[in-house]
Amino acid sequence: LSSSSDELLDWCAYRLVTCARDAAENPNFLSPFANEARQYGLNIAGGVRGDITVILALVVNEPITSESQLSASTVLSDSLERLAVGGTNTTVFKISHSRSSSSPPSLSPSTSKNFPPIS
């Protein structure tokens, strides 16, 4: 998987967190939390204003290109883990996460033009 797919996965996780935070802070948003609170007589709108975390995973099958991919598990970074499944392919699990308290992922100039702007 390319670095642009890493960036896209990070961007998607950050964008989902941004949308969830915006909904939680919107006093006119009728969330599942607000619906439940209203059943108990509380006049609450918006979402839960707590720590919002999103975790995304992308799983693909890739051809094995080197001996190092044949190991049972190779961790490349906090957000990328490759697990070999035998044969001539490897299953790649890419995991990205974002929290409401984190800053947006940096996108390289070559790939950022492909992503919609965050408003």
PDB file of N, CA and C in Angstrom:
ATOM      1  N   LEU A   1       0.839  -1.186   0.000  1.00  0.00           N
ATOM      2  CA  LEU A   1       0.000   0.000   0.000  1.00  0.00           C
ATOM      3  C   LEU A   1       0.876   1.240   0.000  1.00  0.00           C
ATOM      4  N   SER A   2       0.440   2.225  -0.700  1.00  0.00           N
ATOM      5  CA  SER A   2       1.255   3.424  -0.859  1.00  0.00           C
ATOM      6  C   SER A   2       1.108   4.378   0.318  1.00  0.00           C
ATOM      7  N   SER A   3       2.019   5.328   0.385  1.00  0.00           N
ATOM      8  CA  SER A   3       1.943   6.335   1.445  1.00  0.00           C
ATOM      9  C   SER A   3       0.709   7.200   1.271  1.00  0.00           C
ATOM     10  N   SER A   4       0.216   7.349   0.035  1.00  0.00           N
ATOM     11  CA  SER A   4      -1.000   8.143  -0.161  1.00  0.00           C
ATOM     12  C   SER A   4      -2.206   7.445   0.460  1.00  0.00           C
ATOM     13  N   SER A   5      -2.221   6.091   0.476  1.00  0.00           N
ATOM     14  CA  SER A   5      -3.329   5.401   1.142  1.00  0.00           C
ATOM     15  C   SER A   5      -3.220   5.557   2.656  1.00  0.00           C
ATOM     16  N   ASP A   6      -1.980   5.632   3.184  1.00  0.00           N
ATOM     17  CA  ASP A   6      -1.796   5.932   4.612  1.00  0.00           C
ATOM     18  C   ASP A   6      -2.388   7.295   4.929  1.00  0.00           C
ATOM     19  N   GLU A   7      -2.058   8.271   4.090  1.00  0.00           N
ATOM     20  CA  GLU A   7      -2.536   9.631   4.313  1.00  0.00           C
ATOM     21  C   GLU A   7      -4.052   9.711   4.194  1.00  0.00           C
ATOM     22  N   LEU A   8      -4.621   9.000   3.223  1.00  0.00           N
ATOM     23  CA  LEU A   8      -6.073   9.015   3.051  1.00  0.00           C
ATOM     24  C   LEU A   8      -6.765   8.404   4.261  1.00  0.00           C
ATOM     25  N   LEU A   9      -6.233   7.299   4.775  1.00  0.00           N
ATOM     26  CA  LEU A   9      -6.816   6.655   5.949  1.00  0.00           C
ATOM     27  C   LEU A   9      -6.744   7.587   7.158  1.00  0.00           C
ATOM     28  N   ASP A  10      -5.597   8.234   7.362  1.00  0.00           N
ATOM     29  CA  ASP A  10      -5.460   9.196   8.459  1.00  0.00           C
ATOM     30  C   ASP A  10      -6.419  10.365   8.284  1.00  0.00           C
ATOM     31  N   TRP A  11      -6.532  10.859   7.050  1.00  0.00           N
ATOM     32  CA  TRP A  11      -7.420  11.989   6.782  1.00  0.00           C
ATOM     33  C   TRP A  11      -8.873  11.610   7.067  1.00  0.00           C
ATOM     34  N   CYS A  12      -9.289  10.408   6.648  1.00  0.00           N
ATOM     35  CA  CYS A  12     -10.667   9.954   6.889  1.00  0.00           C
ATOM     36  C   CYS A  12     -10.957   9.852   8.383  1.00  0.00           C
ATOM     37  N   ALA A  13     -10.028   9.290   9.153  1.00  0.00           N
ATOM     38  CA  ALA A  13     -10.223   9.182  10.605  1.00  0.00           C
ATOM     39  C   ALA A  13     -10.351  10.569  11.218  1.00  0.00           C
ATOM     40  N   TYR A  14      -9.486  11.485  10.808  1.00  0.00           N
ATOM     41  CA  TYR A  14      -9.557  12.849  11.345  1.00  0.00           C
ATOM     42  C   TYR A  14     -10.871  13.523  10.947  1.00  0.00           C
ATOM     43  N   ARG A  15     -11.299  13.328   9.712  1.00  0.00           N
ATOM     44  CA  ARG A  15     -12.543  13.965   9.237  1.00  0.00           C
ATOM     45  C   ARG A  15     -13.749  13.433  10.011  1.00  0.00           C
ATOM     46  N   LEU A  16     -13.788  12.133  10.281  1.00  0.00           N
ATOM     47  CA  LEU A  16     -14.891  11.561  11.063  1.00  0.00           C
ATOM     48  C   LEU A  16     -14.912  12.128  12.478  1.00  0.00           C
ATOM     49  N   VAL A  17     -13.745  12.291  13.087  1.00  0.00           N
ATOM     50  CA  VAL A  17     -13.669  12.893  14.421  1.00  0.00           C
ATOM     51  C   VAL A  17     -14.175  14.328  14.377  1.00  0.00           C
ATOM     52  N   THR A  18     -13.783  15.065  13.339  1.00  0.00           N
ATOM     53  CA  THR A  18     -14.221  16.453  13.205  1.00  0.00           C
ATOM     54  C   THR A  18     -15.740  16.537  13.098  1.00  0.00           C
ATOM     55  N   CYS A  19     -16.339  15.668  12.289  1.00  0.00           N
ATOM     56  CA  CYS A  19     -17.803  15.656  12.144  1.00  0.00           C
ATOM     57  C   CYS A  19     -18.481  15.292  13.462  1.00  0.00           C
ATOM     58  N   ALA A  20     -17.945  14.307  14.170  1.00  0.00           N
ATOM     59  CA  ALA A  20     -18.528  13.903  15.456  1.00  0.00           C
ATOM     60  C   ALA A  20     -18.417  15.026  16.480  1.00  0.00           C
ATOM     61  N   ARG A  21     -17.272  15.707  16.514  1.00  0.00           N
ATOM     62  CA  ARG A  21     -17.093  16.819  17.450  1.00  0.00           C
ATOM     63  C   ARG A  21     -18.040  17.967  17.111  1.00  0.00           C
ATOM     64  N   ASP A  22     -18.183  18.276  15.815  1.00  0.00           N
ATOM     65  CA  ASP A  22     -19.101  19.337  15.399  1.00  0.00           C
ATOM     66  C   ASP A  22     -20.535  19.016  15.811  1.00  0.00           C
ATOM     67  N   ALA A  23     -20.944  17.763  15.648  1.00  0.00           N
ATOM     68  CA  ALA A  23     -22.295  17.365  16.048  1.00  0.00           C
ATOM     69  C   ALA A  23     -22.460  17.463  17.559  1.00  0.00           C
ATOM     70  N   ALA A  24     -21.439  17.068  18.314  1.00  0.00           N
ATOM     71  CA  ALA A  24     -21.516  17.113  19.778  1.00  0.00           C
ATOM     72  C   ALA A  24     -21.620  18.547  20.284  1.00  0.00           C
ATOM     73  N   GLU A  25     -21.001  19.481  19.575  1.00  0.00           N
ATOM     74  CA  GLU A  25     -21.002  20.876  20.015  1.00  0.00           C
ATOM     75  C   GLU A  25     -22.169  21.680  19.454  1.00  0.00           C
ATOM     76  N   ASN A  26     -22.935  21.109  18.533  1.00  0.00           N
ATOM     77  CA  ASN A  26     -24.066  21.806  17.922  1.00  0.00           C
ATOM     78  C   ASN A  26     -25.286  21.695  18.833  1.00  0.00           C
ATOM     79  N   PRO A  27     -25.776  22.810  19.392  1.00  0.00           N
ATOM     80  CA  PRO A  27     -26.908  22.749  20.316  1.00  0.00           C
ATOM     81  C   PRO A  27     -28.219  22.345  19.647  1.00  0.00           C
ATOM     82  N   ASN A  28     -28.280  22.363  18.325  1.00  0.00           N
ATOM     83  CA  ASN A  28     -29.506  21.991  17.610  1.00  0.00           C
ATOM     84  C   ASN A  28     -29.477  20.565  17.070  1.00  0.00           C
ATOM     85  N   PHE A  29     -28.372  19.863  17.265  1.00  0.00           N
ATOM     86  CA  PHE A  29     -28.246  18.500  16.752  1.00  0.00           C
ATOM     87  C   PHE A  29     -28.970  17.537  17.683  1.00  0.00           C
ATOM     88  N   LEU A  30     -29.883  16.755  17.126  1.00  0.00           N
ATOM     89  CA  LEU A  30     -30.623  15.785  17.927  1.00  0.00           C
ATOM     90  C   LEU A  30     -29.921  14.429  17.809  1.00  0.00           C
ATOM     91  N   SER A  31     -29.069  14.145  18.762  1.00  0.00           N
ATOM     92  CA  SER A  31     -28.252  12.931  18.746  1.00  0.00           C
ATOM     93  C   SER A  31     -28.970  11.791  19.467  1.00  0.00           C
ATOM     94  N   PRO A  32     -28.480  10.563  19.323  1.00  0.00           N
ATOM     95  CA  PRO A  32     -29.041   9.456  20.108  1.00  0.00           C
ATOM     96  C   PRO A  32     -28.954   9.738  21.611  1.00  0.00           C
ATOM     97  N   PHE A  33     -27.878  10.390  22.050  1.00  0.00           N
ATOM     98  CA  PHE A  33     -27.734  10.774  23.457  1.00  0.00           C
ATOM     99  C   PHE A  33     -28.862  11.719  23.871  1.00  0.00           C
ATOM    100  N   ALA A  34     -29.138  12.733  23.037  1.00  0.00           N
ATOM    101  CA  ALA A  34     -30.199  13.698  23.342  1.00  0.00           C
ATOM    102  C   ALA A  34     -31.568  13.027  23.328  1.00  0.00           C
ATOM    103  N   ASN A  35     -31.802  12.131  22.383  1.00  0.00           N
ATOM    104  CA  ASN A  35     -33.084  11.407  22.334  1.00  0.00           C
ATOM    105  C   ASN A  35     -33.313  10.609  23.610  1.00  0.00           C
ATOM    106  N   GLU A  36     -32.286   9.911  24.055  1.00  0.00           N
ATOM    107  CA  GLU A  36     -32.403   9.110  25.283  1.00  0.00           C
ATOM    108  C   GLU A  36     -32.638  10.008  26.491  1.00  0.00           C
ATOM    109  N   ALA A  37     -31.918  11.124  26.567  1.00  0.00           N
ATOM    110  CA  ALA A  37     -32.081  12.056  27.692  1.00  0.00           C
ATOM    111  C   ALA A  37     -33.499  12.618  27.727  1.00  0.00           C
ATOM    112  N   ARG A  38     -34.068  12.895  26.570  1.00  0.00           N
ATOM    113  CA  ARG A  38     -35.430  13.448  26.514  1.00  0.00           C
ATOM    114  C   ARG A  38     -36.465  12.438  26.996  1.00  0.00           C
ATOM    115  N   GLN A  39     -36.194  11.158  26.842  1.00  0.00           N
ATOM    116  CA  GLN A  39     -37.110  10.137  27.354  1.00  0.00           C
ATOM    117  C   GLN A  39     -37.183  10.182  28.874  1.00  0.00           C
ATOM    118  N   TYR A  40     -36.162  10.753  29.507  1.00  0.00           N
ATOM    119  CA  TYR A  40     -36.131  10.876  30.965  1.00  0.00           C
ATOM    120  C   TYR A  40     -36.428  12.300  31.418  1.00  0.00           C
ATOM    121  N   GLY A  41     -36.998  13.106  30.506  1.00  0.00           N
ATOM    122  CA  GLY A  41     -37.421  14.446  30.871  1.00  0.00           C
ATOM    123  C   GLY A  41     -36.342  15.508  30.852  1.00  0.00           C
ATOM    124  N   LEU A  42     -35.178  15.190  30.356  1.00  0.00           N
ATOM    125  CA  LEU A  42     -34.095  16.176  30.278  1.00  0.00           C
ATOM    126  C   LEU A  42     -34.114  16.849  28.910  1.00  0.00           C
ATOM    127  N   ASN A  43     -34.045  18.161  28.887  1.00  0.00           N
ATOM    128  CA  ASN A  43     -34.038  18.896  27.625  1.00  0.00           C
ATOM    129  C   ASN A  43     -32.588  19.127  27.200  1.00  0.00           C
ATOM    130  N   ILE A  44     -32.023  18.131  26.547  1.00  0.00           N
ATOM    131  CA  ILE A  44     -30.620  18.174  26.134  1.00  0.00           C
ATOM    132  C   ILE A  44     -30.561  18.022  24.617  1.00  0.00           C
ATOM    133  N   ALA A  45     -29.751  18.836  23.985  1.00  0.00           N
ATOM    134  CA  ALA A  45     -29.495  18.698  22.551  1.00  0.00           C
ATOM    135  C   ALA A  45     -27.991  18.557  22.362  1.00  0.00           C
ATOM    136  N   GLY A  46     -27.615  18.140  21.188  1.00  0.00           N
ATOM    137  CA  GLY A  46     -26.194  17.937  20.913  1.00  0.00           C
ATOM    138  C   GLY A  46     -25.771  16.535  21.302  1.00  0.00           C
ATOM    139  N   GLY A  47     -24.496  16.304  21.223  1.00  0.00           N
ATOM    140  CA  GLY A  47     -23.968  14.986  21.560  1.00  0.00           C
ATOM    141  C   GLY A  47     -23.251  15.012  22.882  1.00  0.00           C
ATOM    142  N   VAL A  48     -22.528  13.958  23.148  1.00  0.00           N
ATOM    143  CA  VAL A  48     -21.736  13.868  24.367  1.00  0.00           C
ATOM    144  C   VAL A  48     -20.430  14.615  24.112  1.00  0.00           C
ATOM    145  N   ARG A  49     -20.166  15.630  24.911  1.00  0.00           N
ATOM    146  CA  ARG A  49     -18.963  16.440  24.711  1.00  0.00           C
ATOM    147  C   ARG A  49     -17.789  15.832  25.478  1.00  0.00           C
ATOM    148  N   GLY A  50     -17.378  14.689  25.078  1.00  0.00           N
ATOM    149  CA  GLY A  50     -16.266  14.016  25.738  1.00  0.00           C
ATOM    150  C   GLY A  50     -15.153  13.766  24.747  1.00  0.00           C
ATOM    151  N   ASP A  51     -14.331  12.819  25.070  1.00  0.00           N
ATOM    152  CA  ASP A  51     -13.223  12.460  24.205  1.00  0.00           C
ATOM    153  C   ASP A  51     -13.754  11.591  23.074  1.00  0.00           C
ATOM    154  N   ILE A  52     -13.665  12.060  21.854  1.00  0.00           N
ATOM    155  CA  ILE A  52     -14.161  11.334  20.687  1.00  0.00           C
ATOM    156  C   ILE A  52     -12.968  10.673  20.011  1.00  0.00           C
ATOM    157  N   THR A  53     -13.059   9.367  19.775  1.00  0.00           N
ATOM    158  CA  THR A  53     -11.987   8.623  19.121  1.00  0.00           C
ATOM    159  C   THR A  53     -12.571   7.820  17.970  1.00  0.00           C
ATOM    160  N   VAL A  54     -11.903   7.840  16.834  1.00  0.00           N
ATOM    161  CA  VAL A  54     -12.308   7.062  15.670  1.00  0.00           C
ATOM    162  C   VAL A  54     -11.145   6.158  15.291  1.00  0.00           C
ATOM    163  N   ILE A  55     -11.447   4.905  15.021  1.00  0.00           N
ATOM    164  CA  ILE A  55     -10.434   3.962  14.555  1.00  0.00           C
ATOM    165  C   ILE A  55     -10.927   3.382  13.235  1.00  0.00           C
ATOM    166  N   LEU A  56     -10.101   3.469  12.208  1.00  0.00           N
ATOM    167  CA  LEU A  56     -10.424   2.922  10.897  1.00  0.00           C
ATOM    168  C   LEU A  56      -9.421   1.835  10.556  1.00  0.00           C
ATOM    169  N   ALA A  57      -9.870   0.845   9.813  1.00  0.00           N
ATOM    170  CA  ALA A  57      -8.961  -0.207   9.357  1.00  0.00           C
ATOM    171  C   ALA A  57      -9.199  -0.459   7.877  1.00  0.00           C
ATOM    172  N   LEU A  58      -8.126  -0.680   7.158  1.00  0.00           N
ATOM    173  CA  LEU A  58      -8.170  -1.018   5.745  1.00  0.00           C
ATOM    174  C   LEU A  58      -7.440  -2.345   5.598  1.00  0.00           C
ATOM    175  N   VAL A  59      -8.102  -3.333   5.017  1.00  0.00           N
ATOM    176  CA  VAL A  59      -7.497  -4.654   4.860  1.00  0.00           C
ATOM    177  C   VAL A  59      -7.446  -4.969   3.367  1.00  0.00           C
ATOM    178  N   VAL A  60      -6.254  -5.278   2.873  1.00  0.00           N
ATOM    179  CA  VAL A  60      -6.080  -5.624   1.463  1.00  0.00           C
ATOM    180  C   VAL A  60      -5.155  -6.825   1.347  1.00  0.00           C
ATOM    181  N   ASN A  61      -5.224  -7.506   0.219  1.00  0.00           N
ATOM    182  CA  ASN A  61      -4.316  -8.600  -0.097  1.00  0.00           C
ATOM    183  C   ASN A  61      -3.266  -8.067  -1.053  1.00  0.00           C
ATOM    184  N   GLU A  62      -1.986  -8.232  -0.740  1.00  0.00           N
ATOM    185  CA  GLU A  62      -0.887  -7.756  -1.577  1.00  0.00           C
ATOM    186  C   GLU A  62       0.052  -8.903  -1.889  1.00  0.00           C
ATOM    187  N   PRO A  63       0.671  -8.886  -3.058  1.00  0.00           N
ATOM    188  CA  PRO A  63       1.695  -9.895  -3.334  1.00  0.00           C
ATOM    189  C   PRO A  63       2.904  -9.680  -2.430  1.00  0.00           C
ATOM    190  N   ILE A  64       3.536 -10.767  -2.030  1.00  0.00           N
ATOM    191  CA  ILE A  64       4.737 -10.667  -1.201  1.00  0.00           C
ATOM    192  C   ILE A  64       5.893 -10.261  -2.104  1.00  0.00           C
ATOM    193  N   THR A  65       6.586  -9.183  -1.721  1.00  0.00           N
ATOM    194  CA  THR A  65       7.676  -8.677  -2.557  1.00  0.00           C
ATOM    195  C   THR A  65       9.046  -8.883  -1.932  1.00  0.00           C
ATOM    196  N   SER A  66       9.101  -9.304  -0.661  1.00  0.00           N
ATOM    197  CA  SER A  66      10.407  -9.525  -0.038  1.00  0.00           C
ATOM    198  C   SER A  66      10.285 -10.586   1.044  1.00  0.00           C
ATOM    199  N   GLU A  67      11.423 -11.163   1.410  1.00  0.00           N
ATOM    200  CA  GLU A  67      11.448 -12.184   2.452  1.00  0.00           C
ATOM    201  C   GLU A  67      10.978 -11.646   3.796  1.00  0.00           C
ATOM    202  N   SER A  68      11.191 -10.356   4.033  1.00  0.00           N
ATOM    203  CA  SER A  68      10.818  -9.792   5.333  1.00  0.00           C
ATOM    204  C   SER A  68       9.315  -9.837   5.566  1.00  0.00           C
ATOM    205  N   GLN A  69       8.539  -9.902   4.481  1.00  0.00           N
ATOM    206  CA  GLN A  69       7.091  -9.957   4.639  1.00  0.00           C
ATOM    207  C   GLN A  69       6.608 -11.356   4.996  1.00  0.00           C
ATOM    208  N   LEU A  70       7.499 -12.340   4.984  1.00  0.00           N
ATOM    209  CA  LEU A  70       7.092 -13.704   5.287  1.00  0.00           C
ATOM    210  C   LEU A  70       7.026 -13.986   6.782  1.00  0.00           C
ATOM    211  N   SER A  71       7.482 -13.070   7.610  1.00  0.00           N
ATOM    212  CA  SER A  71       7.416 -13.290   9.049  1.00  0.00           C
ATOM    213  C   SER A  71       5.963 -13.278   9.507  1.00  0.00           C
ATOM    214  N   ALA A  72       5.703 -13.874  10.645  1.00  0.00           N
ATOM    215  CA  ALA A  72       4.325 -13.962  11.137  1.00  0.00           C
ATOM    216  C   ALA A  72       3.726 -12.592  11.400  1.00  0.00           C
ATOM    217  N   SER A  73       4.512 -11.682  11.904  1.00  0.00           N
ATOM    218  CA  SER A  73       3.985 -10.349  12.192  1.00  0.00           C
ATOM    219  C   SER A  73       5.124  -9.340  12.180  1.00  0.00           C
ATOM    220  N   THR A  74       4.964  -8.286  11.415  1.00  0.00           N
ATOM    221  CA  THR A  74       5.955  -7.221  11.372  1.00  0.00           C
ATOM    222  C   THR A  74       5.241  -5.908  11.617  1.00  0.00           C
ATOM    223  N   VAL A  75       5.589  -5.241  12.690  1.00  0.00           N
ATOM    224  CA  VAL A  75       4.957  -3.965  12.984  1.00  0.00           C
ATOM    225  C   VAL A  75       5.821  -2.871  12.380  1.00  0.00           C
ATOM    226  N   LEU A  76       5.241  -2.073  11.485  1.00  0.00           N
ATOM    227  CA  LEU A  76       5.996  -1.025  10.815  1.00  0.00           C
ATOM    228  C   LEU A  76       5.890   0.310  11.531  1.00  0.00           C
ATOM    229  N   SER A  77       4.769   0.564  12.193  1.00  0.00           N
ATOM    230  CA  SER A  77       4.591   1.803  12.951  1.00  0.00           C
ATOM    231  C   SER A  77       3.357   1.629  13.817  1.00  0.00           C
ATOM    232  N   ASP A  78       2.996   2.682  14.590  1.00  0.00           N
ATOM    233  CA  ASP A  78       1.800   2.602  15.422  1.00  0.00           C
ATOM    234  C   ASP A  78       0.550   2.384  14.583  1.00  0.00           C
ATOM    235  N   SER A  79       0.555   2.878  13.348  1.00  0.00           N
ATOM    236  CA  SER A  79      -0.668   2.823  12.552  1.00  0.00           C
ATOM    237  C   SER A  79      -0.615   1.834  11.399  1.00  0.00           C
ATOM    238  N   LEU A  80       0.415   0.989  11.313  1.00  0.00           N
ATOM    239  CA  LEU A  80       0.508   0.043  10.207  1.00  0.00           C
ATOM    240  C   LEU A  80       1.052  -1.273  10.705  1.00  0.00           C
ATOM    241  N   GLU A  81       0.328  -2.332  10.430  1.00  0.00           N
ATOM    242  CA  GLU A  81       0.777  -3.660  10.840  1.00  0.00           C
ATOM    243  C   GLU A  81       0.590  -4.602   9.671  1.00  0.00           C
ATOM    244  N   ARG A  82       1.630  -5.373   9.337  1.00  0.00           N
ATOM    245  CA  ARG A  82       1.539  -6.349   8.251  1.00  0.00           C
ATOM    246  C   ARG A  82       1.585  -7.756   8.854  1.00  0.00           C
ATOM    247  N   LEU A  83       0.643  -8.573   8.459  1.00  0.00           N
ATOM    248  CA  LEU A  83       0.604  -9.958   8.921  1.00  0.00           C
ATOM    249  C   LEU A  83       0.650 -10.876   7.703  1.00  0.00           C
ATOM    250  N   ALA A  84       1.650 -11.722   7.635  1.00  0.00           N
ATOM    251  CA  ALA A  84       1.745 -12.645   6.513  1.00  0.00           C
ATOM    252  C   ALA A  84       0.800 -13.815   6.731  1.00  0.00           C
ATOM    253  N   VAL A  85       0.115 -14.218   5.671  1.00  0.00           N
ATOM    254  CA  VAL A  85      -0.861 -15.287   5.779  1.00  0.00           C
ATOM    255  C   VAL A  85      -0.422 -16.507   4.979  1.00  0.00           C
ATOM    256  N   GLY A  86       0.787 -16.528   4.477  1.00  0.00           N
ATOM    257  CA  GLY A  86       1.283 -17.680   3.738  1.00  0.00           C
ATOM    258  C   GLY A  86       0.992 -17.561   2.252  1.00  0.00           C
ATOM    259  N   GLY A  87       1.530 -18.504   1.465  1.00  0.00           N
ATOM    260  CA  GLY A  87       1.336 -18.463   0.024  1.00  0.00           C
ATOM    261  C   GLY A  87       2.133 -17.323  -0.588  1.00  0.00           C
ATOM    262  N   THR A  88       1.609 -16.775  -1.666  1.00  0.00           N
ATOM    263  CA  THR A  88       2.319 -15.694  -2.353  1.00  0.00           C
ATOM    264  C   THR A  88       1.738 -14.322  -2.050  1.00  0.00           C
ATOM    265  N   ASN A  89       0.722 -14.262  -1.232  1.00  0.00           N
ATOM    266  CA  ASN A  89       0.125 -12.985  -0.863  1.00  0.00           C
ATOM    267  C   ASN A  89       0.256 -12.749   0.626  1.00  0.00           C
ATOM    268  N   THR A  90       0.155 -11.518   1.009  1.00  0.00           N
ATOM    269  CA  THR A  90       0.126 -11.166   2.418  1.00  0.00           C
ATOM    270  C   THR A  90      -1.096 -10.295   2.650  1.00  0.00           C
ATOM    271  N   THR A  91      -1.732 -10.476   3.770  1.00  0.00           N
ATOM    272  CA  THR A  91      -2.860  -9.620   4.122  1.00  0.00           C
ATOM    273  C   THR A  91      -2.322  -8.464   4.933  1.00  0.00           C
ATOM    274  N   VAL A  92      -2.647  -7.271   4.512  1.00  0.00           N
ATOM    275  CA  VAL A  92      -2.130  -6.073   5.156  1.00  0.00           C
ATOM    276  C   VAL A  92      -3.259  -5.377   5.893  1.00  0.00           C
ATOM    277  N   PHE A  93      -3.039  -5.145   7.176  1.00  0.00           N
ATOM    278  CA  PHE A  93      -3.993  -4.408   7.996  1.00  0.00           C
ATOM    279  C   PHE A  93      -3.400  -3.031   8.252  1.00  0.00           C
ATOM    280  N   LYS A  94      -4.057  -2.007   7.786  1.00  0.00           N
ATOM    281  CA  LYS A  94      -3.612  -0.642   8.061  1.00  0.00           C
ATOM    282  C   LYS A  94      -4.616  -0.055   9.030  1.00  0.00           C
ATOM    283  N   ILE A  95      -4.125   0.415  10.141  1.00  0.00           N
ATOM    284  CA  ILE A  95      -5.000   0.962  11.170  1.00  0.00           C
ATOM    285  C   ILE A  95      -4.632   2.415  11.395  1.00  0.00           C
ATOM    286  N   SER A  96      -5.641   3.260  11.398  1.00  0.00           N
ATOM    287  CA  SER A  96      -5.428   4.676  11.656  1.00  0.00           C
ATOM    288  C   SER A  96      -6.410   5.106  12.727  1.00  0.00           C
ATOM    289  N   HIS A  97      -6.019   6.061  13.533  1.00  0.00           N
ATOM    290  CA  HIS A  97      -6.920   6.566  14.560  1.00  0.00           C
ATOM    291  C   HIS A  97      -6.755   8.066  14.679  1.00  0.00           C
ATOM    292  N   SER A  98      -7.784   8.689  15.189  1.00  0.00           N
ATOM    293  CA  SER A  98      -7.743  10.125  15.429  1.00  0.00           C
ATOM    294  C   SER A  98      -8.585  10.404  16.655  1.00  0.00           C
ATOM    295  N   ARG A  99      -8.188  11.409  17.422  1.00  0.00           N
ATOM    296  CA  ARG A  99      -8.922  11.808  18.620  1.00  0.00           C
ATOM    297  C   ARG A  99      -9.317  13.260  18.485  1.00  0.00           C
ATOM    298  N   SER A 100     -10.353  13.635  19.200  1.00  0.00           N
ATOM    299  CA  SER A 100     -10.834  15.006  19.112  1.00  0.00           C
ATOM    300  C   SER A 100      -9.798  16.001  19.596  1.00  0.00           C
ATOM    301  N   SER A 101      -8.839  15.549  20.375  1.00  0.00           N
ATOM    302  CA  SER A 101      -7.809  16.450  20.888  1.00  0.00           C
ATOM    303  C   SER A 101      -6.565  16.497  19.999  1.00  0.00           C
ATOM    304  N   SER A 102      -6.561  15.739  18.898  1.00  0.00           N
ATOM    305  CA  SER A 102      -5.365  15.703  18.054  1.00  0.00           C
ATOM    306  C   SER A 102      -5.479  16.687  16.897  1.00  0.00           C
ATOM    307  N   SER A 103      -4.329  17.052  16.364  1.00  0.00           N
ATOM    308  CA  SER A 103      -4.310  17.971  15.227  1.00  0.00           C
ATOM    309  C   SER A 103      -4.509  17.176  13.940  1.00  0.00           C
ATOM    310  N   PRO A 104      -4.904  17.847  12.860  1.00  0.00           N
ATOM    311  CA  PRO A 104      -5.145  17.126  11.614  1.00  0.00           C
ATOM    312  C   PRO A 104      -3.863  16.525  11.065  1.00  0.00           C
ATOM    313  N   PRO A 105      -3.988  15.412  10.329  1.00  0.00           N
ATOM    314  CA  PRO A 105      -2.796  14.800   9.746  1.00  0.00           C
ATOM    315  C   PRO A 105      -2.226  15.710   8.673  1.00  0.00           C
ATOM    316  N   SER A 106      -0.913  15.688   8.539  1.00  0.00           N
ATOM    317  CA  SER A 106      -0.305  16.490   7.477  1.00  0.00           C
ATOM    318  C   SER A 106      -0.339  15.682   6.193  1.00  0.00           C
ATOM    319  N   LEU A 107      -0.732  16.320   5.128  1.00  0.00           N
ATOM    320  CA  LEU A 107      -0.800  15.662   3.834  1.00  0.00           C
ATOM    321  C   LEU A 107       0.302  16.223   2.956  1.00  0.00           C
ATOM    322  N   SER A 108       0.983  15.330   2.244  1.00  0.00           N
ATOM    323  CA  SER A 108       2.040  15.807   1.356  1.00  0.00           C
ATOM    324  C   SER A 108       1.411  16.556   0.188  1.00  0.00           C
ATOM    325  N   PRO A 109       2.117  17.522  -0.385  1.00  0.00           N
ATOM    326  CA  PRO A 109       1.555  18.298  -1.492  1.00  0.00           C
ATOM    327  C   PRO A 109       1.114  17.437  -2.671  1.00  0.00           C
ATOM    328  N   SER A 110       1.780  16.315  -2.902  1.00  0.00           N
ATOM    329  CA  SER A 110       1.428  15.481  -4.054  1.00  0.00           C
ATOM    330  C   SER A 110       0.103  14.764  -3.881  1.00  0.00           C
ATOM    331  N   THR A 111      -0.328  14.521  -2.646  1.00  0.00           N
ATOM    332  CA  THR A 111      -1.579  13.789  -2.443  1.00  0.00           C
ATOM    333  C   THR A 111      -2.691  14.648  -1.882  1.00  0.00           C
ATOM    334  N   SER A 112      -2.380  15.781  -1.277  1.00  0.00           N
ATOM    335  CA  SER A 112      -3.417  16.569  -0.624  1.00  0.00           C
ATOM    336  C   SER A 112      -4.429  17.123  -1.608  1.00  0.00           C
ATOM    337  N   LYS A 113      -4.041  17.310  -2.858  1.00  0.00           N
ATOM    338  CA  LYS A 113      -4.983  17.843  -3.836  1.00  0.00           C
ATOM    339  C   LYS A 113      -6.115  16.861  -4.131  1.00  0.00           C
ATOM    340  N   ASN A 114      -5.944  15.578  -3.790  1.00  0.00           N
ATOM    341  CA  ASN A 114      -6.964  14.574  -4.065  1.00  0.00           C
ATOM    342  C   ASN A 114      -8.019  14.472  -2.973  1.00  0.00           C
ATOM    343  N   PHE A 115      -7.814  15.123  -1.833  1.00  0.00           N
ATOM    344  CA  PHE A 115      -8.737  15.018  -0.726  1.00  0.00           C
ATOM    345  C   PHE A 115      -9.608  16.259  -0.657  1.00  0.00           C
ATOM    346  N   PRO A 116     -10.887  16.102  -0.341  1.00  0.00           N
ATOM    347  CA  PRO A 116     -11.740  17.283  -0.176  1.00  0.00           C
ATOM    348  C   PRO A 116     -11.262  18.107   1.013  1.00  0.00           C
ATOM    349  N   PRO A 117     -11.483  19.416   0.985  1.00  0.00           N
ATOM    350  CA  PRO A 117     -11.043  20.255   2.105  1.00  0.00           C
ATOM    351  C   PRO A 117     -11.839  19.968   3.367  1.00  0.00           C
ATOM    352  N   ILE A 118     -11.211  20.179   4.511  1.00  0.00           N
ATOM    353  CA  ILE A 118     -11.892  20.040   5.795  1.00  0.00           C
ATOM    354  C   ILE A 118     -12.459  21.400   6.140  1.00  0.00           C
ATOM    355  N   SER A 119     -13.784  21.456   6.266  1.00  0.00           N
ATOM    356  CA  SER A 119     -14.397  22.757   6.575  1.00  0.00           C
ATOM    357  C   SER A 119     -14.747  22.872   8.031  1.00  0.00           C
TER     358      SER A 119
END
